[in-house]
PDB file of N, CA and C in Angstrom:
ATOM      1  N   VAL A   1       6.019 -10.683  12.298  1.00  0.00           N
ATOM      2  CA  VAL A   1       5.517  -9.636  11.418  1.00  0.00           C
ATOM      3  C   VAL A   1       4.717 -10.279  10.281  1.00  0.00           C
ATOM      4  N   GLN A   2       3.569  -9.730  10.031  1.00  0.00           N
ATOM      5  CA  GLN A   2       2.733 -10.185   8.910  1.00  0.00           C
ATOM      6  C   GLN A   2       2.605  -9.037   7.904  1.00  0.00           C
ATOM      7  N   LEU A   3       2.684  -9.395   6.616  1.00  0.00           N
ATOM      8  CA  LEU A   3       2.587  -8.409   5.541  1.00  0.00           C
ATOM      9  C   LEU A   3       1.465  -8.806   4.602  1.00  0.00           C
ATOM     10  N   VAL A   4       0.639  -7.825   4.230  1.00  0.00           N
ATOM     11  CA  VAL A   4      -0.478  -8.074   3.313  1.00  0.00           C
ATOM     12  C   VAL A   4      -0.454  -7.021   2.215  1.00  0.00           C
ATOM     13  N   GLU A   5      -0.314  -7.490   0.951  1.00  0.00           N
ATOM     14  CA  GLU A   5      -0.301  -6.565  -0.179  1.00  0.00           C
ATOM     15  C   GLU A   5      -1.727  -6.321  -0.696  1.00  0.00           C
ATOM     16  N   SER A   6      -1.887  -5.196  -1.358  1.00  0.00           N
ATOM     17  CA  SER A   6      -3.118  -4.905  -2.080  1.00  0.00           C
ATOM     18  C   SER A   6      -2.798  -3.943  -3.213  1.00  0.00           C
ATOM     19  N   GLY A   7      -3.701  -3.884  -4.191  1.00  0.00           N
ATOM     20  CA  GLY A   7      -3.563  -2.883  -5.236  1.00  0.00           C
ATOM     21  C   GLY A   7      -3.164  -3.394  -6.597  1.00  0.00           C
ATOM     22  N   GLY A   8      -2.947  -4.683  -6.745  1.00  0.00           N
ATOM     23  CA  GLY A   8      -2.602  -5.199  -8.063  1.00  0.00           C
ATOM     24  C   GLY A   8      -3.801  -5.165  -8.994  1.00  0.00           C
ATOM     25  N   GLY A   9      -3.551  -5.503 -10.267  1.00  0.00           N
ATOM     26  CA  GLY A   9      -4.644  -5.530 -11.220  1.00  0.00           C
ATOM     27  C   GLY A   9      -4.155  -5.565 -12.639  1.00  0.00           C
ATOM     28  N   LEU A  10      -5.105  -5.346 -13.559  1.00  0.00           N
ATOM     29  CA  LEU A  10      -4.826  -5.349 -14.995  1.00  0.00           C
ATOM     30  C   LEU A  10      -4.954  -3.933 -15.520  1.00  0.00           C
ATOM     31  N   VAL A  11      -3.908  -3.433 -16.160  1.00  0.00           N
ATOM     32  CA  VAL A  11      -3.931  -2.092 -16.735  1.00  0.00           C
ATOM     33  C   VAL A  11      -3.318  -2.139 -18.132  1.00  0.00           C
ATOM     34  N   GLN A  12      -3.490  -1.056 -18.858  1.00  0.00           N
ATOM     35  CA  GLN A  12      -2.862  -0.933 -20.168  1.00  0.00           C
ATOM     36  C   GLN A  12      -1.519  -0.230 -20.037  1.00  0.00           C
ATOM     37  N   ALA A  13      -0.670  -0.463 -20.995  1.00  0.00           N
ATOM     38  CA  ALA A  13       0.640   0.190 -21.002  1.00  0.00           C
ATOM     39  C   ALA A  13       0.466   1.703 -20.897  1.00  0.00           C
ATOM     40  N   GLY A  14       1.311   2.317 -20.078  1.00  0.00           N
ATOM     41  CA  GLY A  14       1.259   3.752 -19.873  1.00  0.00           C
ATOM     42  C   GLY A  14       0.433   4.173 -18.672  1.00  0.00           C
ATOM     43  N   GLU A  15      -0.368   3.267 -18.159  1.00  0.00           N
ATOM     44  CA  GLU A  15      -1.201   3.589 -17.006  1.00  0.00           C
ATOM     45  C   GLU A  15      -0.439   3.387 -15.691  1.00  0.00           C
ATOM     46  N   SER A  16      -1.126   3.651 -14.584  1.00  0.00           N
ATOM     47  CA  SER A  16      -0.499   3.607 -13.264  1.00  0.00           C
ATOM     48  C   SER A  16      -1.241   2.662 -12.334  1.00  0.00           C
ATOM     49  N   LEU A  17      -0.497   2.152 -11.353  1.00  0.00           N
ATOM     50  CA  LEU A  17      -1.057   1.382 -10.238  1.00  0.00           C
ATOM     51  C   LEU A  17      -0.302   1.749  -8.982  1.00  0.00           C
ATOM     52  N   ARG A  18      -0.983   1.628  -7.852  1.00  0.00           N
ATOM     53  CA  ARG A  18      -0.331   1.844  -6.563  1.00  0.00           C
ATOM     54  C   ARG A  18      -0.524   0.604  -5.717  1.00  0.00           C
ATOM     55  N   LEU A  19       0.595  -0.018  -5.345  1.00  0.00           N
ATOM     56  CA  LEU A  19       0.566  -1.168  -4.461  1.00  0.00           C
ATOM     57  C   LEU A  19       0.754  -0.707  -3.025  1.00  0.00           C
ATOM     58  N   SER A  20       0.042  -1.367  -2.126  1.00  0.00           N
ATOM     59  CA  SER A  20       0.183  -1.081  -0.700  1.00  0.00           C
ATOM     60  C   SER A  20       0.567  -2.351   0.033  1.00  0.00           C
ATOM     61  N   CYS A  21       1.290  -2.193   1.124  1.00  0.00           N
ATOM     62  CA  CYS A  21       1.656  -3.317   1.980  1.00  0.00           C
ATOM     63  C   CYS A  21       1.426  -2.904   3.419  1.00  0.00           C
ATOM     64  N   ALA A  22       0.549  -3.624   4.092  1.00  0.00           N
ATOM     65  CA  ALA A  22       0.238  -3.338   5.488  1.00  0.00           C
ATOM     66  C   ALA A  22       0.979  -4.327   6.375  1.00  0.00           C
ATOM     67  N   ALA A  23       1.711  -3.797   7.343  1.00  0.00           N
ATOM     68  CA  ALA A  23       2.478  -4.622   8.271  1.00  0.00           C
ATOM     69  C   ALA A  23       1.791  -4.653   9.620  1.00  0.00           C
ATOM     70  N   SER A  24       1.853  -5.803  10.266  1.00  0.00           N
ATOM     71  CA  SER A  24       1.311  -5.940  11.621  1.00  0.00           C
ATOM     72  C   SER A  24       2.229  -6.845  12.414  1.00  0.00           C
ATOM     73  N   GLY A  25       2.053  -6.830  13.726  1.00  0.00           N
ATOM     74  CA  GLY A  25       2.910  -7.629  14.586  1.00  0.00           C
ATOM     75  C   GLY A  25       4.073  -6.798  15.119  1.00  0.00           C
ATOM     76  N   ARG A  26       5.250  -7.411  15.192  1.00  0.00           N
ATOM     77  CA  ARG A  26       6.431  -6.755  15.741  1.00  0.00           C
ATOM     78  C   ARG A  26       7.077  -5.836  14.700  1.00  0.00           C
ATOM     79  N   THR A  27       6.376  -4.789  14.362  1.00  0.00           N
ATOM     80  CA  THR A  27       6.851  -3.905  13.285  1.00  0.00           C
ATOM     81  C   THR A  27       8.122  -3.148  13.667  1.00  0.00           C
ATOM     82  N   ASP A  28       8.416  -3.036  14.947  1.00  0.00           N
ATOM     83  CA  ASP A  28       9.667  -2.391  15.357  1.00  0.00           C
ATOM     84  C   ASP A  28      10.882  -3.202  14.922  1.00  0.00           C
ATOM     85  N   ASP A  29      10.681  -4.474  14.566  1.00  0.00           N
ATOM     86  CA  ASP A  29      11.792  -5.312  14.079  1.00  0.00           C
ATOM     87  C   ASP A  29      12.187  -4.948  12.652  1.00  0.00           C
ATOM     88  N   ILE A  30      11.347  -4.190  11.974  1.00  0.00           N
ATOM     89  CA  ILE A  30      11.598  -3.877  10.568  1.00  0.00           C
ATOM     90  C   ILE A  30      12.602  -2.730  10.449  1.00  0.00           C
ATOM     91  N   VAL A  31      13.661  -2.959   9.688  1.00  0.00           N
ATOM     92  CA  VAL A  31      14.645  -1.919   9.389  1.00  0.00           C
ATOM     93  C   VAL A  31      14.497  -1.454   7.937  1.00  0.00           C
ATOM     94  N   TYR A  32      14.284  -2.424   7.048  1.00  0.00           N
ATOM     95  CA  TYR A  32      14.126  -2.126   5.620  1.00  0.00           C
ATOM     96  C   TYR A  32      12.839  -2.735   5.099  1.00  0.00           C
ATOM     97  N   MET A  33      12.250  -2.066   4.113  1.00  0.00           N
ATOM     98  CA  MET A  33      11.057  -2.564   3.434  1.00  0.00           C
ATOM     99  C   MET A  33      11.350  -2.560   1.941  1.00  0.00           C
ATOM    100  N   ALA A  34      10.786  -3.530   1.245  1.00  0.00           N
ATOM    101  CA  ALA A  34      11.131  -3.663  -0.164  1.00  0.00           C
ATOM    102  C   ALA A  34       9.977  -4.259  -0.961  1.00  0.00           C
ATOM    103  N   TRP A  35      10.063  -4.037  -2.261  1.00  0.00           N
ATOM    104  CA  TRP A  35       9.166  -4.692  -3.215  1.00  0.00           C
ATOM    105  C   TRP A  35      10.014  -5.543  -4.157  1.00  0.00           C
ATOM    106  N   PHE A  36       9.623  -6.771  -4.317  1.00  0.00           N
ATOM    107  CA  PHE A  36      10.211  -7.693  -5.280  1.00  0.00           C
ATOM    108  C   PHE A  36       9.150  -8.054  -6.313  1.00  0.00           C
ATOM    109  N   ARG A  37       9.585  -8.606  -7.426  1.00  0.00           N
ATOM    110  CA  ARG A  37       8.633  -9.112  -8.404  1.00  0.00           C
ATOM    111  C   ARG A  37       9.208 -10.327  -9.109  1.00  0.00           C
ATOM    112  N   GLN A  38       8.295 -11.176  -9.595  1.00  0.00           N
ATOM    113  CA  GLN A  38       8.699 -12.340 -10.372  1.00  0.00           C
ATOM    114  C   GLN A  38       7.776 -12.456 -11.570  1.00  0.00           C
ATOM    115  N   GLY A  39       8.349 -12.207 -12.746  1.00  0.00           N
ATOM    116  CA  GLY A  39       7.585 -12.301 -13.975  1.00  0.00           C
ATOM    117  C   GLY A  39       7.595 -13.710 -14.518  1.00  0.00           C
ATOM    118  N   PRO A  40       6.777 -13.999 -15.535  1.00  0.00           N
ATOM    119  CA  PRO A  40       6.688 -15.338 -16.123  1.00  0.00           C
ATOM    120  C   PRO A  40       8.050 -15.808 -16.631  1.00  0.00           C
ATOM    121  N   GLY A  41       8.494 -16.952 -16.138  1.00  0.00           N
ATOM    122  CA  GLY A  41       9.760 -17.523 -16.588  1.00  0.00           C
ATOM    123  C   GLY A  41      10.991 -16.770 -16.129  1.00  0.00           C
ATOM    124  N   ARG A  42      10.828 -15.900 -15.152  1.00  0.00           N
ATOM    125  CA  ARG A  42      11.959 -15.093 -14.703  1.00  0.00           C
ATOM    126  C   ARG A  42      12.206 -15.307 -13.213  1.00  0.00           C
ATOM    127  N   GLU A  43      13.404 -14.982 -12.804  1.00  0.00           N
ATOM    128  CA  GLU A  43      13.726 -15.084 -11.387  1.00  0.00           C
ATOM    129  C   GLU A  43      13.152 -13.880 -10.636  1.00  0.00           C
ATOM    130  N   ARG A  44      12.930 -14.068  -9.356  1.00  0.00           N
ATOM    131  CA  ARG A  44      12.457 -12.960  -8.538  1.00  0.00           C
ATOM    132  C   ARG A  44      13.548 -11.895  -8.455  1.00  0.00           C
ATOM    133  N   GLU A  45      13.150 -10.636  -8.577  1.00  0.00           N
ATOM    134  CA  GLU A  45      14.118  -9.546  -8.540  1.00  0.00           C
ATOM    135  C   GLU A  45      13.665  -8.454  -7.587  1.00  0.00           C
ATOM    136  N   LEU A  46      14.646  -7.766  -7.024  1.00  0.00           N
ATOM    137  CA  LEU A  46      14.379  -6.614  -6.170  1.00  0.00           C
ATOM    138  C   LEU A  46      14.003  -5.434  -7.063  1.00  0.00           C
ATOM    139  N   VAL A  47      12.877  -4.820  -6.780  1.00  0.00           N
ATOM    140  CA  VAL A  47      12.419  -3.663  -7.551  1.00  0.00           C
ATOM    141  C   VAL A  47      12.812  -2.357  -6.870  1.00  0.00           C
ATOM    142  N   ALA A  48      12.518  -2.250  -5.578  1.00  0.00           N
ATOM    143  CA  ALA A  48      12.791  -1.024  -4.841  1.00  0.00           C
ATOM    144  C   ALA A  48      12.833  -1.344  -3.364  1.00  0.00           C
ATOM    145  N   SER A  49      13.556  -0.508  -2.624  1.00  0.00           N
ATOM    146  CA  SER A  49      13.615  -0.689  -1.181  1.00  0.00           C
ATOM    147  C   SER A  49      13.670   0.678  -0.511  1.00  0.00           C
ATOM    148  N   ILE A  50      13.333   0.684   0.784  1.00  0.00           N
ATOM    149  CA  ILE A  50      13.346   1.926   1.549  1.00  0.00           C
ATOM    150  C   ILE A  50      13.695   1.620   2.988  1.00  0.00           C
ATOM    151  N   SER A  51      14.492   2.491   3.582  1.00  0.00           N
ATOM    152  CA  SER A  51      14.825   2.376   4.988  1.00  0.00           C
ATOM    153  C   SER A  51      13.660   2.894   5.826  1.00  0.00           C
ATOM    154  N   ARG A  52      13.278   2.122   6.824  1.00  0.00           N
ATOM    155  CA  ARG A  52      12.138   2.510   7.658  1.00  0.00           C
ATOM    156  C   ARG A  52      12.429   3.803   8.424  1.00  0.00           C
ATOM    157  N   ILE A  53      13.672   4.009   8.850  1.00  0.00           N
ATOM    158  CA  ILE A  53      14.000   5.173   9.671  1.00  0.00           C
ATOM    159  C   ILE A  53      14.408   6.374   8.807  1.00  0.00           C
ATOM    160  N   SER A  54      15.388   6.170   7.933  1.00  0.00           N
ATOM    161  CA  SER A  54      15.944   7.307   7.193  1.00  0.00           C
ATOM    162  C   SER A  54      15.156   7.642   5.931  1.00  0.00           C
ATOM    163  N   GLY A  55      14.433   6.664   5.392  1.00  0.00           N
ATOM    164  CA  GLY A  55      13.721   6.889   4.149  1.00  0.00           C
ATOM    165  C   GLY A  55      14.585   6.761   2.906  1.00  0.00           C
ATOM    166  N   THR A  56      15.828   6.362   3.059  1.00  0.00           N
ATOM    167  CA  THR A  56      16.716   6.177   1.913  1.00  0.00           C
ATOM    168  C   THR A  56      16.150   5.105   0.991  1.00  0.00           C
ATOM    169  N   THR A  57      16.150   5.403  -0.301  1.00  0.00           N
ATOM    170  CA  THR A  57      15.536   4.497  -1.274  1.00  0.00           C
ATOM    171  C   THR A  57      16.550   3.936  -2.256  1.00  0.00           C
ATOM    172  N   TYR A  58      16.161   2.820  -2.853  1.00  0.00           N
ATOM    173  CA  TYR A  58      16.918   2.179  -3.922  1.00  0.00           C
ATOM    174  C   TYR A  58      15.924   1.707  -4.975  1.00  0.00           C
ATOM    175  N   TYR A  59      16.326   1.826  -6.256  1.00  0.00           N
ATOM    176  CA  TYR A  59      15.501   1.327  -7.354  1.00  0.00           C
ATOM    177  C   TYR A  59      16.365   0.545  -8.328  1.00  0.00           C
ATOM    178  N   THR A  60      15.831  -0.535  -8.844  1.00  0.00           N
ATOM    179  CA  THR A  60      16.522  -1.211  -9.922  1.00  0.00           C
ATOM    180  C   THR A  60      16.443  -0.336 -11.173  1.00  0.00           C
ATOM    181  N   ASP A  61      17.414  -0.467 -12.049  1.00  0.00           N
ATOM    182  CA  ASP A  61      17.527   0.457 -13.181  1.00  0.00           C
ATOM    183  C   ASP A  61      16.268   0.494 -14.044  1.00  0.00           C
ATOM    184  N   SER A  62      15.620  -0.636 -14.224  1.00  0.00           N
ATOM    185  CA  SER A  62      14.491  -0.695 -15.157  1.00  0.00           C
ATOM    186  C   SER A  62      13.263   0.089 -14.692  1.00  0.00           C
ATOM    187  N   VAL A  63      13.216   0.486 -13.426  1.00  0.00           N
ATOM    188  CA  VAL A  63      12.040   1.219 -12.932  1.00  0.00           C
ATOM    189  C   VAL A  63      12.370   2.637 -12.496  1.00  0.00           C
ATOM    190  N   LYS A  64      13.632   3.023 -12.556  1.00  0.00           N
ATOM    191  CA  LYS A  64      14.020   4.372 -12.131  1.00  0.00           C
ATOM    192  C   LYS A  64      13.276   5.415 -12.958  1.00  0.00           C
ATOM    193  N   GLY A  65      12.724   6.411 -12.275  1.00  0.00           N
ATOM    194  CA  GLY A  65      11.974   7.468 -12.944  1.00  0.00           C
ATOM    195  C   GLY A  65      10.514   7.124 -13.188  1.00  0.00           C
ATOM    196  N   ARG A  66      10.128   5.856 -12.991  1.00  0.00           N
ATOM    197  CA  ARG A  66       8.728   5.454 -13.201  1.00  0.00           C
ATOM    198  C   ARG A  66       8.054   5.005 -11.905  1.00  0.00           C
ATOM    199  N   PHE A  67       8.815   4.370 -11.021  1.00  0.00           N
ATOM    200  CA  PHE A  67       8.260   3.838  -9.772  1.00  0.00           C
ATOM    201  C   PHE A  67       8.747   4.672  -8.590  1.00  0.00           C
ATOM    202  N   THR A  68       7.917   4.756  -7.555  1.00  0.00           N
ATOM    203  CA  THR A  68       8.284   5.462  -6.332  1.00  0.00           C
ATOM    204  C   THR A  68       7.874   4.629  -5.128  1.00  0.00           C
ATOM    205  N   ILE A  69       8.840   4.339  -4.263  1.00  0.00           N
ATOM    206  CA  ILE A  69       8.547   3.632  -3.026  1.00  0.00           C
ATOM    207  C   ILE A  69       8.445   4.649  -1.902  1.00  0.00           C
ATOM    208  N   SER A  70       7.493   4.439  -0.998  1.00  0.00           N
ATOM    209  CA  SER A  70       7.313   5.351   0.135  1.00  0.00           C
ATOM    210  C   SER A  70       6.787   4.567   1.318  1.00  0.00           C
ATOM    211  N   ARG A  71       6.812   5.207   2.484  1.00  0.00           N
ATOM    212  CA  ARG A  71       6.288   4.521   3.665  1.00  0.00           C
ATOM    213  C   ARG A  71       5.547   5.491   4.563  1.00  0.00           C
ATOM    214  N   ASP A  72       4.663   4.953   5.369  1.00  0.00           N
ATOM    215  CA  ASP A  72       3.946   5.708   6.401  1.00  0.00           C
ATOM    216  C   ASP A  72       4.128   4.920   7.693  1.00  0.00           C
ATOM    217  N   ASN A  73       5.084   5.342   8.491  1.00  0.00           N
ATOM    218  CA  ASN A  73       5.411   4.579   9.702  1.00  0.00           C
ATOM    219  C   ASN A  73       4.285   4.613  10.732  1.00  0.00           C
ATOM    220  N   TYR A  74       3.473   5.644  10.711  1.00  0.00           N
ATOM    221  CA  TYR A  74       2.355   5.722  11.675  1.00  0.00           C
ATOM    222  C   TYR A  74       1.300   4.673  11.363  1.00  0.00           C
ATOM    223  N   LYS A  75       1.095   4.431  10.070  1.00  0.00           N
ATOM    224  CA  LYS A  75       0.121   3.429   9.660  1.00  0.00           C
ATOM    225  C   LYS A  75       0.742   2.038   9.527  1.00  0.00           C
ATOM    226  N   ASN A  76       2.061   1.949   9.645  1.00  0.00           N
ATOM    227  CA  ASN A  76       2.775   0.683   9.386  1.00  0.00           C
ATOM    228  C   ASN A  76       2.463   0.163   7.986  1.00  0.00           C
ATOM    229  N   GLU A  77       2.548   1.048   7.035  1.00  0.00           N
ATOM    230  CA  GLU A  77       2.298   0.690   5.642  1.00  0.00           C
ATOM    231  C   GLU A  77       3.426   1.221   4.765  1.00  0.00           C
ATOM    232  N   PHE A  78       3.646   0.548   3.648  1.00  0.00           N
ATOM    233  CA  PHE A  78       4.517   1.106   2.629  1.00  0.00           C
ATOM    234  C   PHE A  78       3.912   0.832   1.266  1.00  0.00           C
ATOM    235  N   TYR A  79       4.410   1.574   0.272  1.00  0.00           N
ATOM    236  CA  TYR A  79       3.713   1.655  -0.997  1.00  0.00           C
ATOM    237  C   TYR A  79       4.692   1.596  -2.162  1.00  0.00           C
ATOM    238  N   LEU A  80       4.153   1.225  -3.317  1.00  0.00           N
ATOM    239  CA  LEU A  80       4.909   1.303  -4.563  1.00  0.00           C
ATOM    240  C   LEU A  80       3.995   1.949  -5.599  1.00  0.00           C
ATOM    241  N   GLN A  81       4.278   3.193  -5.919  1.00  0.00           N
ATOM    242  CA  GLN A  81       3.562   3.893  -6.969  1.00  0.00           C
ATOM    243  C   GLN A  81       4.225   3.561  -8.293  1.00  0.00           C
ATOM    244  N   MET A  82       3.471   2.976  -9.198  1.00  0.00           N
ATOM    245  CA  MET A  82       4.023   2.535 -10.481  1.00  0.00           C
ATOM    246  C   MET A  82       3.366   3.320 -11.597  1.00  0.00           C
ATOM    247  N   ASP A  83       4.143   4.157 -12.255  1.00  0.00           N
ATOM    248  CA  ASP A  83       3.661   4.975 -13.370  1.00  0.00           C
ATOM    249  C   ASP A  83       4.295   4.512 -14.671  1.00  0.00           C
ATOM    250  N   GLU A  84       3.691   4.918 -15.768  1.00  0.00           N
ATOM    251  CA  GLU A  84       4.216   4.565 -17.098  1.00  0.00           C
ATOM    252  C   GLU A  84       4.495   3.065 -17.195  1.00  0.00           C
ATOM    253  N   LEU A  85       3.540   2.286 -16.776  1.00  0.00           N
ATOM    254  CA  LEU A  85       3.724   0.841 -16.756  1.00  0.00           C
ATOM    255  C   LEU A  85       3.932   0.288 -18.156  1.00  0.00           C
ATOM    256  N   LYS A  86       4.769  -0.741 -18.222  1.00  0.00           N
ATOM    257  CA  LYS A  86       5.108  -1.392 -19.482  1.00  0.00           C
ATOM    258  C   LYS A  86       4.733  -2.874 -19.396  1.00  0.00           C
ATOM    259  N   PRO A  87       4.504  -3.525 -20.528  1.00  0.00           N
ATOM    260  CA  PRO A  87       4.181  -4.956 -20.484  1.00  0.00           C
ATOM    261  C   PRO A  87       5.226  -5.783 -19.738  1.00  0.00           C
ATOM    262  N   GLU A  88       6.489  -5.377 -19.807  1.00  0.00           N
ATOM    263  CA  GLU A  88       7.537  -6.127 -19.113  1.00  0.00           C
ATOM    264  C   GLU A  88       7.480  -5.971 -17.600  1.00  0.00           C
ATOM    265  N   ASP A  89       6.610  -5.087 -17.096  1.00  0.00           N
ATOM    266  CA  ASP A  89       6.394  -4.984 -15.651  1.00  0.00           C
ATOM    267  C   ASP A  89       5.423  -6.045 -15.149  1.00  0.00           C
ATOM    268  N   THR A  90       4.814  -6.801 -16.057  1.00  0.00           N
ATOM    269  CA  THR A  90       3.892  -7.852 -15.663  1.00  0.00           C
ATOM    270  C   THR A  90       4.604  -8.869 -14.777  1.00  0.00           C
ATOM    271  N   ALA A  91       4.073  -9.078 -13.583  1.00  0.00           N
ATOM    272  CA  ALA A  91       4.714  -9.969 -12.616  1.00  0.00           C
ATOM    273  C   ALA A  91       3.836 -10.075 -11.372  1.00  0.00           C
ATOM    274  N   VAL A  92       4.139 -11.075 -10.564  1.00  0.00           N
ATOM    275  CA  VAL A  92       3.609 -11.094  -9.202  1.00  0.00           C
ATOM    276  C   VAL A  92       4.540 -10.230  -8.369  1.00  0.00           C
ATOM    277  N   HIS A  93       3.974  -9.253  -7.708  1.00  0.00           N
ATOM    278  CA  HIS A  93       4.754  -8.330  -6.884  1.00  0.00           C
ATOM    279  C   HIS A  93       4.586  -8.694  -5.413  1.00  0.00           C
ATOM    280  N   TYR A  94       5.712  -8.776  -4.717  1.00  0.00           N
ATOM    281  CA  TYR A  94       5.727  -9.154  -3.309  1.00  0.00           C
ATOM    282  C   TYR A  94       6.293  -8.015  -2.472  1.00  0.00           C
ATOM    283  N   CYS A  95       5.680  -7.739  -1.335  1.00  0.00           N
ATOM    284  CA  CYS A  95       6.328  -6.851  -0.388  1.00  0.00           C
ATOM    285  C   CYS A  95       7.106  -7.706   0.610  1.00  0.00           C
ATOM    286  N   ALA A  96       8.181  -7.145   1.101  1.00  0.00           N
ATOM    287  CA  ALA A  96       9.067  -7.854   2.024  1.00  0.00           C
ATOM    288  C   ALA A  96       9.633  -6.862   3.023  1.00  0.00           C
ATOM    289  N   ALA A  97      10.057  -7.382   4.150  1.00  0.00           N
ATOM    290  CA  ALA A  97      10.619  -6.521   5.187  1.00  0.00           C
ATOM    291  C   ALA A  97      11.601  -7.330   6.017  1.00  0.00           C
ATOM    292  N   GLY A  98      12.514  -6.616   6.665  1.00  0.00           N
ATOM    293  CA  GLY A  98      13.470  -7.313   7.510  1.00  0.00           C
ATOM    294  C   GLY A  98      14.589  -6.426   7.978  1.00  0.00           C
ATOM    295  N   SER A  99      15.657  -7.056   8.450  1.00  0.00           N
ATOM    296  CA  SER A  99      16.782  -6.339   9.039  1.00  0.00           C
ATOM    297  C   SER A  99      17.802  -5.892   7.998  1.00  0.00           C
ATOM    298  N   ALA A 100      17.733  -6.459   6.804  1.00  0.00           N
ATOM    299  CA  ALA A 100      18.658  -6.099   5.736  1.00  0.00           C
ATOM    300  C   ALA A 100      17.981  -6.319   4.390  1.00  0.00           C
ATOM    301  N   ILE A 101      18.493  -5.647   3.371  1.00  0.00           N
ATOM    302  CA  ILE A 101      17.963  -5.827   2.026  1.00  0.00           C
ATOM    303  C   ILE A 101      18.691  -6.993   1.384  1.00  0.00           C
ATOM    304  N   ARG A 102      17.989  -8.071   1.169  1.00  0.00           N
ATOM    305  CA  ARG A 102      18.596  -9.257   0.583  1.00  0.00           C
ATOM    306  C   ARG A 102      17.492 -10.102  -0.032  1.00  0.00           C
ATOM    307  N   SER A 103      17.866 -11.086  -0.814  1.00  0.00           N
ATOM    308  CA  SER A 103      16.865 -11.893  -1.518  1.00  0.00           C
ATOM    309  C   SER A 103      16.026 -12.739  -0.578  1.00  0.00           C
ATOM    310  N   ASP A 104      16.528 -13.018   0.613  1.00  0.00           N
ATOM    311  CA  ASP A 104      15.786 -13.822   1.577  1.00  0.00           C
ATOM    312  C   ASP A 104      15.420 -13.013   2.813  1.00  0.00           C
ATOM    313  N   MET A 105      14.744 -11.878   2.565  1.00  0.00           N
ATOM    314  CA  MET A 105      14.331 -11.059   3.700  1.00  0.00           C
ATOM    315  C   MET A 105      13.419 -11.867   4.624  1.00  0.00           C
ATOM    316  N   GLU A 106      13.356 -11.443   5.901  1.00  0.00           N
ATOM    317  CA  GLU A 106      12.700 -12.268   6.909  1.00  0.00           C
ATOM    318  C   GLU A 106      11.199 -12.405   6.720  1.00  0.00           C
ATOM    319  N   TYR A 107      10.541 -11.343   6.241  1.00  0.00           N
ATOM    320  CA  TYR A 107       9.083 -11.337   6.208  1.00  0.00           C
ATOM    321  C   TYR A 107       8.594 -11.045   4.790  1.00  0.00           C
ATOM    322  N   TRP A 108       7.562 -11.781   4.374  1.00  0.00           N
ATOM    323  CA  TRP A 108       7.043 -11.667   3.003  1.00  0.00           C
ATOM    324  C   TRP A 108       5.526 -11.652   2.986  1.00  0.00           C
ATOM    325  N   GLY A 109       4.975 -10.891   2.057  1.00  0.00           N
ATOM    326  CA  GLY A 109       3.563 -11.002   1.756  1.00  0.00           C
ATOM    327  C   GLY A 109       3.336 -12.132   0.775  1.00  0.00           C
ATOM    328  N   LYS A 110       2.073 -12.409   0.471  1.00  0.00           N
ATOM    329  CA  LYS A 110       1.737 -13.523  -0.418  1.00  0.00           C
ATOM    330  C   LYS A 110       1.834 -13.154  -1.892  1.00  0.00           C
ATOM    331  N   GLY A 111       1.885 -11.875  -2.178  1.00  0.00           N
ATOM    332  CA  GLY A 111       2.037 -11.432  -3.559  1.00  0.00           C
ATOM    333  C   GLY A 111       0.737 -10.940  -4.154  1.00  0.00           C
ATOM    334  N   THR A 112       0.875 -10.010  -5.101  1.00  0.00           N
ATOM    335  CA  THR A 112      -0.277  -9.493  -5.826  1.00  0.00           C
ATOM    336  C   THR A 112       0.093  -9.399  -7.303  1.00  0.00           C
ATOM    337  N   GLN A 113      -0.828  -9.806  -8.177  1.00  0.00           N
ATOM    338  CA  GLN A 113      -0.544  -9.857  -9.599  1.00  0.00           C
ATOM    339  C   GLN A 113      -0.705  -8.482 -10.231  1.00  0.00           C
ATOM    340  N   VAL A 114       0.290  -8.092 -11.006  1.00  0.00           N
ATOM    341  CA  VAL A 114       0.214  -6.886 -11.833  1.00  0.00           C
ATOM    342  C   VAL A 114       0.359  -7.337 -13.283  1.00  0.00           C
ATOM    343  N   THR A 115      -0.634  -7.017 -14.097  1.00  0.00           N
ATOM    344  CA  THR A 115      -0.604  -7.379 -15.506  1.00  0.00           C
ATOM    345  C   THR A 115      -0.768  -6.119 -16.344  1.00  0.00           C
ATOM    346  N   VAL A 116       0.168  -5.917 -17.266  1.00  0.00           N
ATOM    347  CA  VAL A 116       0.151  -4.739 -18.120  1.00  0.00           C
ATOM    348  C   VAL A 116      -0.013  -5.202 -19.562  1.00  0.00           C
ATOM    349  N   SER A 117      -1.097  -4.802 -20.172  1.00  0.00           N
ATOM    350  CA  SER A 117      -1.346  -5.199 -21.557  1.00  0.00           C
ATOM    351  C   SER A 117      -0.826  -4.124 -22.507  1.00  0.00           C
ATOM    352  N   SER A 118      -0.432  -4.567 -23.684  1.00  0.00           N
ATOM    353  CA  SER A 118       0.129  -3.630 -24.666  1.00  0.00           C
ATOM    354  C   SER A 118      -0.942  -3.043 -25.565  1.00  0.00           C
TER     355      SER A 118
END
């Protein structure tokens, strides 16, 4: 499985961005899809995840009510809609996929930079 992110950029606080992740290859192997991020001087953290079949979602507390994860199984894509962005959301955002939600998921994109200025 190959994953390619798009949609990062530089925005001001309060604005929105939508990240996309396109999957190719053995996409039937994917059970869960997720977005992680790693900010400057910080460890990589799970931001949100979604079940490929049921659509069940999870969000870390700091993004609840602001971010929305979704998927389009026909297109083999999943997304992270980020609203009300804050400077602390500045990070490299990675999409990931695999058989379980964990820090070492099987498949990873290369990452896309999100920078939020105050």
